[in-house]
Amino acid sequence: MPANKPIYRIIHINNLKYILEKGKLSCPNHLEADPNYQNIGLTDLIKKRSEQVLPLTNNKTFKDHVAFYFGPRSPMLYKIFTGHGGVKKISQSDIIYLVSGTKFIVNHSCQFIFTDGHATQKITKFFDDIKDLKNVDWKAVNARIWKDDPSSDTDFDRQRKKQAEFLVQGELPLSCITKIATYDEGSQKYVVSLLNQRGLKIPVEIDKNLYYE
């Protein structure tokens, strides 16, 4: 089996309480989806993704999946941080990471697909076999500098590859979350307090390397 690869879901911190109450992450089309879920990111892109039928899924859309990135510091998080591109600016203190790994998804027999780049772009390829993780450009996924370099034979398509995704169909049990990462101590304390209320022992780490400054 291929090596376990971390996957990262960024959410508004206000969404965490509902997730902990349900004990799972639910896709937008789930019967138990949070009716007050606070979206982050580009509204037009969210709408476009909600209507896009995905390959290898029997006519499912993004709204039928829980979406993770393969890498941190996504271009979308940068837009959220700066307010560029028509994205609502949100303090990074209010953004948290839910971190899992590909082996946990496989071990829980969750249905999934993943991409080798931004999922709405036509040249992006989709996969449903974990062995095909070799098709993801891990250098691009983990790059801190992800702007395309037209003069490079390998990095001319870096921004698309940086945004490779792992999409879990339906729902994901909370037991698949290996840690929660926050931007600062205030966010960490709040997350820990929510976990303590439910007797949950998920590690919570401050990791500014996952954020922009």
N, C-alpha and C. Protein backbone atom coordinates (compact mmCIF):
# COMPACT_ATOMS: atom_id res chain seq x y z
N MET A 1 0.84 -1.20 0.00
CA MET A 1 0.00 0.00 0.00
C MET A 1 0.88 1.25 0.00
N PRO A 2 0.51 2.31 -0.76
CA PRO A 2 1.31 3.53 -0.76
C PRO A 2 1.41 4.14 0.63
N ALA A 3 2.45 4.94 0.82
CA ALA A 3 2.65 5.59 2.11
C ALA A 3 1.46 6.48 2.45
N ASN A 4 1.19 6.60 3.74
CA ASN A 4 0.12 7.49 4.19
C ASN A 4 0.47 8.94 3.86
N LYS A 5 -0.48 9.65 3.28
CA LYS A 5 -0.29 11.05 2.95
C LYS A 5 -1.26 11.90 3.77
N PRO A 6 -0.78 12.97 4.39
CA PRO A 6 -1.69 13.84 5.14
C PRO A 6 -2.64 14.56 4.21
N ILE A 7 -3.85 14.83 4.70
CA ILE A 7 -4.82 15.64 3.97
C ILE A 7 -5.37 16.69 4.93
N TYR A 8 -5.70 17.86 4.38
CA TYR A 8 -6.02 19.01 5.21
C TYR A 8 -7.35 19.63 4.78
N ARG A 9 -8.25 19.81 5.72
CA ARG A 9 -9.49 20.53 5.47
C ARG A 9 -9.49 21.81 6.28
N ILE A 10 -9.68 22.94 5.63
CA ILE A 10 -9.76 24.21 6.34
C ILE A 10 -11.23 24.60 6.49
N ILE A 11 -11.60 25.02 7.70
CA ILE A 11 -12.97 25.42 7.98
C ILE A 11 -12.96 26.65 8.89
N HIS A 12 -14.09 27.33 8.92
CA HIS A 12 -14.25 28.41 9.90
C HIS A 12 -14.41 27.76 11.27
N ILE A 13 -13.79 28.35 12.25
CA ILE A 13 -13.80 27.77 13.60
C ILE A 13 -15.22 27.64 14.15
N ASN A 14 -16.13 28.47 13.67
CA ASN A 14 -17.52 28.41 14.15
C ASN A 14 -18.23 27.12 13.75
N ASN A 15 -17.69 26.41 12.77
CA ASN A 15 -18.32 25.17 12.32
C ASN A 15 -17.94 23.96 13.17
N LEU A 16 -16.93 24.11 14.00
CA LEU A 16 -16.40 22.95 14.70
C LEU A 16 -17.38 22.37 15.72
N LYS A 17 -18.10 23.20 16.43
CA LYS A 17 -19.00 22.71 17.47
C LYS A 17 -20.01 21.71 16.92
N TYR A 18 -20.61 22.03 15.77
CA TYR A 18 -21.60 21.14 15.17
C TYR A 18 -20.95 19.81 14.75
N ILE A 19 -19.75 19.90 14.19
CA ILE A 19 -19.04 18.68 13.77
C ILE A 19 -18.79 17.77 14.96
N LEU A 20 -18.37 18.35 16.07
CA LEU A 20 -18.10 17.55 17.26
C LEU A 20 -19.38 16.95 17.83
N GLU A 21 -20.46 17.69 17.76
CA GLU A 21 -21.74 17.19 18.26
C GLU A 21 -22.20 15.98 17.46
N LYS A 22 -21.99 16.01 16.15
CA LYS A 22 -22.42 14.91 15.28
C LYS A 22 -21.41 13.77 15.24
N GLY A 23 -20.16 14.07 15.60
CA GLY A 23 -19.13 13.04 15.59
C GLY A 23 -18.66 12.68 14.19
N LYS A 24 -18.85 13.58 13.25
CA LYS A 24 -18.45 13.31 11.87
C LYS A 24 -18.44 14.60 11.06
N LEU A 25 -17.75 14.53 9.94
CA LEU A 25 -17.78 15.60 8.95
C LEU A 25 -18.77 15.18 7.88
N SER A 26 -19.72 16.02 7.57
CA SER A 26 -20.75 15.68 6.59
C SER A 26 -20.64 16.57 5.36
N CYS A 27 -20.92 16.00 4.19
CA CYS A 27 -20.93 16.78 2.96
C CYS A 27 -22.16 17.69 2.95
N PRO A 28 -22.17 18.73 2.12
CA PRO A 28 -23.30 19.66 2.10
C PRO A 28 -24.65 19.00 1.78
N ASN A 29 -24.66 17.92 1.01
CA ASN A 29 -25.91 17.25 0.66
C ASN A 29 -26.35 16.21 1.69
N HIS A 30 -25.59 16.07 2.75
CA HIS A 30 -25.91 15.06 3.77
C HIS A 30 -27.17 15.47 4.53
N LEU A 31 -27.97 14.48 4.93
CA LEU A 31 -29.19 14.76 5.68
C LEU A 31 -28.90 15.45 7.01
N GLU A 32 -27.68 15.22 7.56
CA GLU A 32 -27.31 15.83 8.83
C GLU A 32 -26.31 16.97 8.65
N ALA A 33 -26.25 17.54 7.46
CA ALA A 33 -25.35 18.67 7.23
C ALA A 33 -25.76 19.86 8.10
N ASP A 34 -24.78 20.62 8.51
CA ASP A 34 -25.02 21.78 9.37
C ASP A 34 -25.84 22.84 8.61
N PRO A 35 -27.05 23.14 9.06
CA PRO A 35 -27.87 24.14 8.35
C PRO A 35 -27.31 25.55 8.46
N ASN A 36 -26.42 25.76 9.41
CA ASN A 36 -25.82 27.08 9.62
C ASN A 36 -24.34 27.10 9.27
N TYR A 37 -23.91 26.16 8.42
CA TYR A 37 -22.50 26.05 8.07
C TYR A 37 -21.97 27.36 7.50
N GLN A 38 -20.85 27.82 8.01
CA GLN A 38 -20.26 29.09 7.59
C GLN A 38 -19.19 28.81 6.54
N ASN A 39 -19.52 29.12 5.28
CA ASN A 39 -18.59 28.89 4.19
C ASN A 39 -17.45 29.89 4.22
N ILE A 40 -16.32 29.48 3.69
CA ILE A 40 -15.19 30.37 3.48
C ILE A 40 -14.77 30.21 2.02
N GLY A 41 -14.20 31.24 1.46
CA GLY A 41 -13.75 31.14 0.08
C GLY A 41 -14.61 31.93 -0.87
N LEU A 42 -14.47 31.63 -2.16
CA LEU A 42 -15.11 32.38 -3.23
C LEU A 42 -16.52 31.85 -3.47
N THR A 43 -17.51 32.70 -3.29
CA THR A 43 -18.92 32.29 -3.41
C THR A 43 -19.22 31.72 -4.80
N ASP A 44 -18.74 32.36 -5.85
CA ASP A 44 -19.01 31.89 -7.21
C ASP A 44 -18.40 30.52 -7.46
N LEU A 45 -17.22 30.28 -6.91
CA LEU A 45 -16.56 28.98 -7.08
C LEU A 45 -17.32 27.90 -6.32
N ILE A 46 -17.80 28.23 -5.12
CA ILE A 46 -18.58 27.27 -4.34
C ILE A 46 -19.83 26.86 -5.11
N LYS A 47 -20.48 27.83 -5.74
CA LYS A 47 -21.68 27.55 -6.54
C LYS A 47 -21.33 26.68 -7.74
N LYS A 48 -20.25 27.02 -8.41
CA LYS A 48 -19.83 26.25 -9.59
C LYS A 48 -19.52 24.81 -9.20
N ARG A 49 -18.83 24.63 -8.11
CA ARG A 49 -18.49 23.28 -7.66
C ARG A 49 -19.74 22.49 -7.27
N SER A 50 -20.74 23.17 -6.73
CA SER A 50 -21.94 22.48 -6.29
C SER A 50 -22.71 21.87 -7.46
N GLU A 51 -22.47 22.40 -8.66
CA GLU A 51 -23.17 21.93 -9.85
C GLU A 51 -22.33 21.01 -10.72
N GLN A 52 -21.06 20.85 -10.39
CA GLN A 52 -20.14 20.08 -11.24
C GLN A 52 -20.22 18.58 -10.92
N VAL A 53 -20.62 17.79 -11.89
CA VAL A 53 -20.64 16.34 -11.74
C VAL A 53 -19.21 15.82 -11.84
N LEU A 54 -18.82 14.98 -10.91
CA LEU A 54 -17.45 14.51 -10.83
C LEU A 54 -17.27 13.14 -11.47
N PRO A 55 -16.15 12.92 -12.14
CA PRO A 55 -15.86 11.61 -12.71
C PRO A 55 -15.76 10.55 -11.62
N LEU A 56 -16.03 9.31 -11.98
CA LEU A 56 -15.82 8.14 -11.11
C LEU A 56 -16.75 8.12 -9.90
N THR A 57 -17.86 8.89 -9.95
CA THR A 57 -18.71 9.02 -8.75
C THR A 57 -20.18 8.70 -8.99
N ASN A 58 -20.54 8.19 -10.15
CA ASN A 58 -21.94 7.89 -10.43
C ASN A 58 -22.81 9.15 -10.29
N ASN A 59 -22.35 10.22 -10.98
CA ASN A 59 -23.10 11.48 -11.07
C ASN A 59 -23.18 12.26 -9.76
N LYS A 60 -22.21 12.08 -8.89
CA LYS A 60 -22.15 12.88 -7.66
C LYS A 60 -21.44 14.21 -7.97
N THR A 61 -21.72 15.22 -7.13
CA THR A 61 -21.08 16.52 -7.27
C THR A 61 -20.19 16.79 -6.05
N PHE A 62 -19.58 17.96 -6.05
CA PHE A 62 -18.78 18.35 -4.89
C PHE A 62 -19.61 18.38 -3.62
N LYS A 63 -20.89 18.73 -3.75
CA LYS A 63 -21.75 18.83 -2.57
C LYS A 63 -22.02 17.47 -1.93
N ASP A 64 -21.64 16.40 -2.63
CA ASP A 64 -21.78 15.05 -2.09
C ASP A 64 -20.48 14.57 -1.45
N HIS A 65 -19.52 15.46 -1.31
CA HIS A 65 -18.21 15.08 -0.80
C HIS A 65 -17.71 16.05 0.27
N VAL A 66 -16.87 15.52 1.14
CA VAL A 66 -16.11 16.33 2.10
C VAL A 66 -14.74 16.55 1.48
N ALA A 67 -14.38 17.79 1.24
CA ALA A 67 -13.18 18.11 0.47
C ALA A 67 -11.98 18.43 1.36
N PHE A 68 -10.86 17.81 1.02
CA PHE A 68 -9.57 18.09 1.67
C PHE A 68 -8.56 18.49 0.60
N TYR A 69 -7.59 19.29 0.98
CA TYR A 69 -6.40 19.50 0.15
C TYR A 69 -5.33 18.50 0.58
N PHE A 70 -4.43 18.19 -0.37
CA PHE A 70 -3.27 17.38 -0.02
C PHE A 70 -2.21 18.21 0.69
N GLY A 71 -2.20 19.50 0.45
CA GLY A 71 -1.17 20.33 1.05
C GLY A 71 -1.75 21.52 1.80
N PRO A 72 -0.99 22.10 2.73
CA PRO A 72 -1.42 23.30 3.46
C PRO A 72 -1.14 24.56 2.65
N ARG A 73 -1.50 25.71 3.22
CA ARG A 73 -1.21 27.02 2.61
C ARG A 73 -1.72 27.08 1.16
N SER A 74 -2.97 26.76 0.98
CA SER A 74 -3.55 26.74 -0.36
C SER A 74 -3.69 28.16 -0.91
N PRO A 75 -3.76 28.30 -2.23
CA PRO A 75 -4.05 29.60 -2.82
C PRO A 75 -5.37 30.18 -2.31
N MET A 76 -6.36 29.33 -2.04
CA MET A 76 -7.63 29.84 -1.52
C MET A 76 -7.45 30.42 -0.12
N LEU A 77 -6.64 29.78 0.71
CA LEU A 77 -6.38 30.34 2.03
C LEU A 77 -5.69 31.69 1.91
N TYR A 78 -4.82 31.84 0.92
CA TYR A 78 -4.16 33.12 0.70
C TYR A 78 -5.19 34.20 0.36
N LYS A 79 -6.17 33.85 -0.48
CA LYS A 79 -7.22 34.82 -0.83
C LYS A 79 -8.07 35.17 0.39
N ILE A 80 -8.33 34.18 1.23
CA ILE A 80 -9.09 34.44 2.45
C ILE A 80 -8.29 35.36 3.38
N PHE A 81 -6.99 35.14 3.43
CA PHE A 81 -6.10 35.95 4.27
C PHE A 81 -6.01 37.39 3.79
N THR A 82 -5.97 37.57 2.46
CA THR A 82 -5.75 38.91 1.89
C THR A 82 -7.04 39.61 1.47
N GLY A 83 -8.10 38.83 1.21
CA GLY A 83 -9.31 39.40 0.67
C GLY A 83 -9.23 39.65 -0.82
N HIS A 84 -8.24 39.06 -1.49
CA HIS A 84 -8.08 39.25 -2.93
C HIS A 84 -9.08 38.40 -3.72
N GLY A 85 -9.33 38.80 -4.96
CA GLY A 85 -10.11 37.98 -5.88
C GLY A 85 -11.58 37.87 -5.53
N GLY A 86 -12.10 38.84 -4.80
CA GLY A 86 -13.51 38.80 -4.47
C GLY A 86 -13.86 37.89 -3.31
N VAL A 87 -12.84 37.42 -2.60
CA VAL A 87 -13.06 36.54 -1.46
C VAL A 87 -13.17 37.37 -0.19
N LYS A 88 -14.12 37.02 0.66
CA LYS A 88 -14.27 37.72 1.93
C LYS A 88 -13.05 37.47 2.81
N LYS A 89 -12.46 38.56 3.29
CA LYS A 89 -11.29 38.44 4.15
C LYS A 89 -11.70 37.95 5.53
N ILE A 90 -10.99 36.93 6.03
CA ILE A 90 -11.27 36.36 7.35
C ILE A 90 -9.95 36.24 8.11
N SER A 91 -9.96 36.60 9.37
CA SER A 91 -8.77 36.45 10.19
C SER A 91 -8.35 34.99 10.24
N GLN A 92 -7.05 34.76 10.14
CA GLN A 92 -6.57 33.38 10.19
C GLN A 92 -6.79 32.74 11.56
N SER A 93 -7.00 33.56 12.56
CA SER A 93 -7.35 33.03 13.88
C SER A 93 -8.68 32.29 13.84
N ASP A 94 -9.51 32.64 12.86
CA ASP A 94 -10.83 32.03 12.74
C ASP A 94 -10.85 30.85 11.78
N ILE A 95 -9.69 30.51 11.23
CA ILE A 95 -9.57 29.37 10.31
C ILE A 95 -8.80 28.26 11.02
N ILE A 96 -9.35 27.05 11.02
CA ILE A 96 -8.64 25.92 11.61
C ILE A 96 -8.50 24.81 10.57
N TYR A 97 -7.51 23.96 10.80
CA TYR A 97 -7.26 22.79 9.96
C TYR A 97 -7.75 21.53 10.66
N LEU A 98 -8.51 20.72 9.93
CA LEU A 98 -8.80 19.36 10.36
C LEU A 98 -7.91 18.45 9.54
N VAL A 99 -7.03 17.72 10.20
CA VAL A 99 -6.00 16.94 9.51
C VAL A 99 -6.30 15.46 9.62
N SER A 100 -6.22 14.78 8.49
CA SER A 100 -6.39 13.32 8.46
C SER A 100 -5.27 12.74 7.60
N GLY A 101 -5.45 11.51 7.15
CA GLY A 101 -4.46 10.87 6.30
C GLY A 101 -5.13 9.85 5.40
N THR A 102 -4.53 9.60 4.26
CA THR A 102 -5.14 8.70 3.28
C THR A 102 -5.35 7.30 3.84
N LYS A 103 -4.47 6.84 4.71
CA LYS A 103 -4.63 5.47 5.22
C LYS A 103 -5.85 5.34 6.11
N PHE A 104 -6.21 6.42 6.81
CA PHE A 104 -7.40 6.38 7.68
C PHE A 104 -8.67 6.28 6.83
N ILE A 105 -8.68 6.97 5.71
CA ILE A 105 -9.83 6.91 4.81
C ILE A 105 -9.99 5.50 4.26
N VAL A 106 -8.89 4.92 3.84
CA VAL A 106 -8.92 3.56 3.28
C VAL A 106 -9.32 2.56 4.36
N ASN A 107 -8.75 2.68 5.55
CA ASN A 107 -9.05 1.73 6.63
C ASN A 107 -10.51 1.78 7.07
N HIS A 108 -11.15 2.94 6.90
CA HIS A 108 -12.56 3.06 7.28
C HIS A 108 -13.50 2.77 6.11
N SER A 109 -12.92 2.30 5.01
CA SER A 109 -13.70 1.90 3.82
C SER A 109 -14.58 3.04 3.30
N CYS A 110 -14.11 4.26 3.44
CA CYS A 110 -14.83 5.40 2.89
C CYS A 110 -14.63 5.44 1.37
N GLN A 111 -15.67 5.84 0.65
CA GLN A 111 -15.52 6.04 -0.78
C GLN A 111 -14.85 7.38 -1.02
N PHE A 112 -13.95 7.42 -1.98
CA PHE A 112 -13.20 8.65 -2.22
C PHE A 112 -12.76 8.74 -3.67
N ILE A 113 -12.45 9.95 -4.08
CA ILE A 113 -11.71 10.20 -5.31
C ILE A 113 -10.68 11.27 -4.97
N PHE A 114 -9.68 11.41 -5.82
CA PHE A 114 -8.72 12.49 -5.63
C PHE A 114 -8.25 12.99 -6.98
N THR A 115 -7.62 14.15 -6.97
CA THR A 115 -7.21 14.81 -8.20
C THR A 115 -5.72 15.09 -8.21
N ASP A 116 -5.22 15.42 -9.40
CA ASP A 116 -3.81 15.83 -9.49
C ASP A 116 -3.68 17.34 -9.60
N GLY A 117 -4.79 18.06 -9.33
CA GLY A 117 -4.74 19.52 -9.39
C GLY A 117 -6.11 20.10 -9.09
N HIS A 118 -6.25 21.38 -9.34
CA HIS A 118 -7.51 22.09 -9.09
C HIS A 118 -8.64 21.36 -9.80
N ALA A 119 -9.66 20.98 -9.05
CA ALA A 119 -10.65 20.04 -9.56
C ALA A 119 -11.60 20.62 -10.60
N THR A 120 -11.66 21.95 -10.74
CA THR A 120 -12.56 22.52 -11.73
C THR A 120 -11.88 22.77 -13.07
N GLN A 121 -10.57 22.52 -13.16
CA GLN A 121 -9.86 22.77 -14.40
C GLN A 121 -9.89 21.53 -15.30
N LYS A 122 -10.09 21.77 -16.60
CA LYS A 122 -10.35 20.69 -17.53
C LYS A 122 -9.21 19.69 -17.65
N ILE A 123 -7.99 20.13 -17.48
CA ILE A 123 -6.86 19.20 -17.66
C ILE A 123 -6.60 18.34 -16.42
N THR A 124 -7.28 18.65 -15.33
CA THR A 124 -7.08 17.90 -14.10
C THR A 124 -7.62 16.48 -14.24
N LYS A 125 -6.87 15.52 -13.72
CA LYS A 125 -7.26 14.11 -13.77
C LYS A 125 -7.79 13.66 -12.41
N PHE A 126 -8.73 12.73 -12.46
CA PHE A 126 -9.36 12.17 -11.26
C PHE A 126 -8.99 10.71 -11.11
N PHE A 127 -8.88 10.26 -9.85
CA PHE A 127 -8.50 8.88 -9.55
C PHE A 127 -9.35 8.35 -8.40
N ASP A 128 -9.55 7.03 -8.38
CA ASP A 128 -10.25 6.41 -7.24
C ASP A 128 -9.50 5.21 -6.69
N ASP A 129 -8.24 5.06 -7.08
CA ASP A 129 -7.39 3.98 -6.59
C ASP A 129 -6.22 4.60 -5.83
N ILE A 130 -6.07 4.24 -4.57
CA ILE A 130 -5.04 4.86 -3.73
C ILE A 130 -3.64 4.67 -4.31
N LYS A 131 -3.46 3.64 -5.14
CA LYS A 131 -2.16 3.41 -5.76
C LYS A 131 -1.79 4.53 -6.72
N ASP A 132 -2.78 5.29 -7.15
CA ASP A 132 -2.52 6.37 -8.10
C ASP A 132 -2.06 7.66 -7.44
N LEU A 133 -1.79 7.61 -6.13
CA LEU A 133 -1.21 8.79 -5.47
C LEU A 133 0.11 9.20 -6.12
N LYS A 134 0.73 8.27 -6.81
CA LYS A 134 1.98 8.58 -7.50
C LYS A 134 1.80 9.64 -8.58
N ASN A 135 0.56 9.86 -9.00
CA ASN A 135 0.28 10.85 -10.04
C ASN A 135 0.15 12.27 -9.50
N VAL A 136 0.15 12.41 -8.19
CA VAL A 136 0.11 13.75 -7.58
C VAL A 136 1.53 14.31 -7.53
N ASP A 137 1.68 15.57 -7.89
CA ASP A 137 2.98 16.23 -7.84
C ASP A 137 3.21 16.73 -6.41
N TRP A 138 3.91 15.95 -5.61
CA TRP A 138 4.06 16.26 -4.18
C TRP A 138 4.95 17.47 -3.94
N LYS A 139 5.86 17.73 -4.86
CA LYS A 139 6.67 18.94 -4.74
C LYS A 139 5.78 20.18 -4.85
N ALA A 140 4.88 20.17 -5.82
CA ALA A 140 3.97 21.30 -5.99
C ALA A 140 2.98 21.40 -4.84
N VAL A 141 2.45 20.26 -4.41
CA VAL A 141 1.47 20.23 -3.32
C VAL A 141 2.04 20.87 -2.06
N ASN A 142 3.29 20.61 -1.77
CA ASN A 142 3.91 21.10 -0.53
C ASN A 142 4.68 22.40 -0.70
N ALA A 143 4.64 22.97 -1.90
CA ALA A 143 5.41 24.19 -2.16
C ALA A 143 4.88 25.37 -1.37
N ARG A 144 5.76 26.16 -0.82
CA ARG A 144 5.37 27.40 -0.15
C ARG A 144 5.23 28.53 -1.17
N ILE A 145 6.01 28.44 -2.24
CA ILE A 145 5.87 29.38 -3.36
C ILE A 145 5.21 28.61 -4.49
N TRP A 146 3.96 28.96 -4.83
CA TRP A 146 3.19 28.14 -5.76
C TRP A 146 2.79 28.89 -7.03
N LYS A 147 3.28 30.11 -7.20
CA LYS A 147 2.98 30.85 -8.42
C LYS A 147 3.61 30.13 -9.61
N ASP A 148 2.87 30.08 -10.72
CA ASP A 148 3.39 29.42 -11.92
C ASP A 148 4.67 30.11 -12.40
N ASP A 149 5.60 29.30 -12.89
CA ASP A 149 6.84 29.81 -13.46
C ASP A 149 6.88 29.41 -14.93
N PRO A 150 6.49 30.30 -15.86
CA PRO A 150 6.41 29.95 -17.28
C PRO A 150 7.75 29.51 -17.88
N SER A 151 8.85 29.90 -17.26
CA SER A 151 10.17 29.55 -17.79
C SER A 151 10.63 28.16 -17.36
N SER A 152 9.88 27.52 -16.46
CA SER A 152 10.28 26.22 -15.92
C SER A 152 9.59 25.08 -16.65
N ASP A 153 10.32 24.00 -16.85
CA ASP A 153 9.75 22.81 -17.49
C ASP A 153 8.85 22.04 -16.53
N THR A 154 8.98 22.28 -15.23
CA THR A 154 8.22 21.52 -14.24
C THR A 154 7.23 22.37 -13.46
N ASP A 155 7.49 23.66 -13.31
CA ASP A 155 6.67 24.51 -12.44
C ASP A 155 5.76 25.48 -13.20
N PHE A 156 5.61 25.29 -14.51
CA PHE A 156 4.74 26.17 -15.29
C PHE A 156 3.26 25.96 -14.92
N ASP A 157 2.96 24.81 -14.31
CA ASP A 157 1.58 24.45 -13.95
C ASP A 157 1.46 24.25 -12.43
N ARG A 158 2.30 24.93 -11.70
CA ARG A 158 2.44 24.66 -10.27
C ARG A 158 1.20 25.04 -9.47
N GLN A 159 0.55 26.16 -9.80
CA GLN A 159 -0.59 26.61 -9.00
C GLN A 159 -1.76 25.63 -9.10
N ARG A 160 -2.02 25.07 -10.29
CA ARG A 160 -3.08 24.08 -10.43
C ARG A 160 -2.75 22.83 -9.62
N LYS A 161 -1.52 22.36 -9.72
CA LYS A 161 -1.10 21.14 -9.02
C LYS A 161 -1.12 21.33 -7.50
N LYS A 162 -0.78 22.54 -7.06
CA LYS A 162 -0.78 22.84 -5.63
C LYS A 162 -2.14 22.55 -5.01
N GLN A 163 -3.22 22.71 -5.81
CA GLN A 163 -4.57 22.60 -5.29
C GLN A 163 -5.19 21.22 -5.51
N ALA A 164 -4.36 20.19 -5.60
CA ALA A 164 -4.86 18.81 -5.69
C ALA A 164 -5.71 18.50 -4.46
N GLU A 165 -6.80 17.78 -4.68
CA GLU A 165 -7.77 17.53 -3.61
C GLU A 165 -8.02 16.05 -3.37
N PHE A 166 -8.46 15.74 -2.16
CA PHE A 166 -8.93 14.40 -1.78
C PHE A 166 -10.36 14.57 -1.31
N LEU A 167 -11.30 13.90 -1.98
CA LEU A 167 -12.72 14.09 -1.74
C LEU A 167 -13.35 12.82 -1.21
N VAL A 168 -13.91 12.91 -0.01
CA VAL A 168 -14.53 11.76 0.65
C VAL A 168 -16.04 11.85 0.46
N GLN A 169 -16.63 10.80 -0.06
CA GLN A 169 -18.06 10.83 -0.35
C GLN A 169 -18.91 10.69 0.92
N GLY A 170 -19.90 11.55 1.02
CA GLY A 170 -20.88 11.42 2.10
C GLY A 170 -20.45 11.99 3.43
N GLU A 171 -19.71 11.21 4.18
CA GLU A 171 -19.31 11.62 5.52
C GLU A 171 -18.00 10.97 5.91
N LEU A 172 -17.39 11.54 6.92
CA LEU A 172 -16.13 11.04 7.44
C LEU A 172 -16.20 11.03 8.97
N PRO A 173 -16.00 9.87 9.60
CA PRO A 173 -16.08 9.82 11.06
C PRO A 173 -14.99 10.66 11.71
N LEU A 174 -15.31 11.25 12.83
CA LEU A 174 -14.37 12.09 13.56
C LEU A 174 -13.12 11.32 13.96
N SER A 175 -13.24 10.01 14.08
CA SER A 175 -12.09 9.18 14.45
C SER A 175 -10.99 9.22 13.39
N CYS A 176 -11.31 9.69 12.19
CA CYS A 176 -10.31 9.82 11.13
C CYS A 176 -9.48 11.10 11.24
N ILE A 177 -9.90 12.00 12.11
CA ILE A 177 -9.16 13.26 12.28
C ILE A 177 -8.02 13.02 13.27
N THR A 178 -6.80 13.19 12.81
CA THR A 178 -5.63 12.90 13.64
C THR A 178 -5.19 14.09 14.48
N LYS A 179 -5.50 15.30 14.01
CA LYS A 179 -5.19 16.48 14.81
C LYS A 179 -5.94 17.68 14.26
N ILE A 180 -6.01 18.71 15.06
CA ILE A 180 -6.57 19.99 14.65
C ILE A 180 -5.47 21.03 14.82
N ALA A 181 -5.28 21.86 13.81
CA ALA A 181 -4.24 22.89 13.87
C ALA A 181 -4.89 24.27 13.89
N THR A 182 -4.32 25.16 14.69
CA THR A 182 -4.82 26.52 14.81
C THR A 182 -3.70 27.53 14.56
N TYR A 183 -4.11 28.78 14.38
CA TYR A 183 -3.14 29.84 14.10
C TYR A 183 -2.51 30.39 15.37
N ASP A 184 -3.28 30.44 16.46
CA ASP A 184 -2.75 31.08 17.66
C ASP A 184 -3.31 30.42 18.93
N GLU A 185 -2.84 30.91 20.06
CA GLU A 185 -3.20 30.30 21.34
C GLU A 185 -4.67 30.49 21.67
N GLY A 186 -5.23 31.64 21.31
CA GLY A 186 -6.64 31.87 21.59
C GLY A 186 -7.53 30.86 20.90
N SER A 187 -7.24 30.60 19.62
CA SER A 187 -8.01 29.60 18.87
C SER A 187 -7.78 28.21 19.44
N GLN A 188 -6.56 27.93 19.80
CA GLN A 188 -6.25 26.61 20.37
C GLN A 188 -7.05 26.38 21.65
N LYS A 189 -7.08 27.35 22.53
CA LYS A 189 -7.80 27.20 23.80
C LYS A 189 -9.29 26.98 23.55
N TYR A 190 -9.85 27.68 22.58
CA TYR A 190 -11.27 27.52 22.28
C TYR A 190 -11.56 26.11 21.76
N VAL A 191 -10.71 25.63 20.84
CA VAL A 191 -10.90 24.29 20.29
C VAL A 191 -10.77 23.23 21.39
N VAL A 192 -9.78 23.38 22.24
CA VAL A 192 -9.58 22.44 23.34
C VAL A 192 -10.79 22.42 24.27
N SER A 193 -11.36 23.59 24.52
CA SER A 193 -12.53 23.65 25.40
C SER A 193 -13.71 22.90 24.79
N LEU A 194 -13.91 23.01 23.48
CA LEU A 194 -14.98 22.27 22.81
C LEU A 194 -14.75 20.76 22.89
N LEU A 195 -13.51 20.36 22.69
CA LEU A 195 -13.17 18.93 22.77
C LEU A 195 -13.39 18.40 24.19
N ASN A 196 -12.98 19.19 25.17
CA ASN A 196 -13.13 18.76 26.57
C ASN A 196 -14.59 18.59 26.95
N GLN A 197 -15.45 19.44 26.41
CA GLN A 197 -16.88 19.35 26.70
C GLN A 197 -17.45 18.00 26.25
N ARG A 198 -16.84 17.42 25.24
CA ARG A 198 -17.32 16.15 24.68
C ARG A 198 -16.43 14.98 25.06
N GLY A 199 -15.41 15.23 25.87
CA GLY A 199 -14.51 14.16 26.27
C GLY A 199 -13.68 13.61 25.14
N LEU A 200 -13.36 14.45 24.16
CA LEU A 200 -12.60 14.02 22.99
C LEU A 200 -11.12 14.35 23.18
N LYS A 201 -10.26 13.51 22.64
CA LYS A 201 -8.82 13.63 22.87
C LYS A 201 -8.02 13.92 21.61
N ILE A 202 -8.60 14.63 20.68
CA ILE A 202 -7.87 14.97 19.45
C ILE A 202 -6.79 16.00 19.77
N PRO A 203 -5.54 15.76 19.36
CA PRO A 203 -4.48 16.75 19.60
C PRO A 203 -4.79 18.07 18.89
N VAL A 204 -4.48 19.18 19.58
CA VAL A 204 -4.68 20.51 19.00
C VAL A 204 -3.35 21.25 19.06
N GLU A 205 -2.84 21.62 17.90
CA GLU A 205 -1.52 22.23 17.82
C GLU A 205 -1.59 23.61 17.19
N ILE A 206 -0.81 24.53 17.71
CA ILE A 206 -0.60 25.81 17.03
C ILE A 206 0.50 25.58 15.99
N ASP A 207 0.19 25.86 14.73
CA ASP A 207 1.18 25.63 13.67
C ASP A 207 1.08 26.73 12.64
N LYS A 208 1.83 27.80 12.83
CA LYS A 208 1.77 28.93 11.92
C LYS A 208 2.40 28.63 10.56
N ASN A 209 3.11 27.51 10.46
CA ASN A 209 3.66 27.11 9.17
C ASN A 209 2.56 26.73 8.18
N LEU A 210 1.37 26.47 8.69
CA LEU A 210 0.24 26.13 7.83
C LEU A 210 -0.51 27.35 7.34
N TYR A 211 -0.09 28.53 7.82
CA TYR A 211 -0.82 29.76 7.54
C TYR A 211 0.07 30.78 6.82
N TYR A 212 -0.54 31.87 6.42
CA TYR A 212 0.18 33.00 5.83
C TYR A 212 0.37 34.09 6.88
N GLU A 213 1.46 34.83 6.73
CA GLU A 213 1.73 35.92 7.68
C GLU A 213 2.16 37.17 6.92
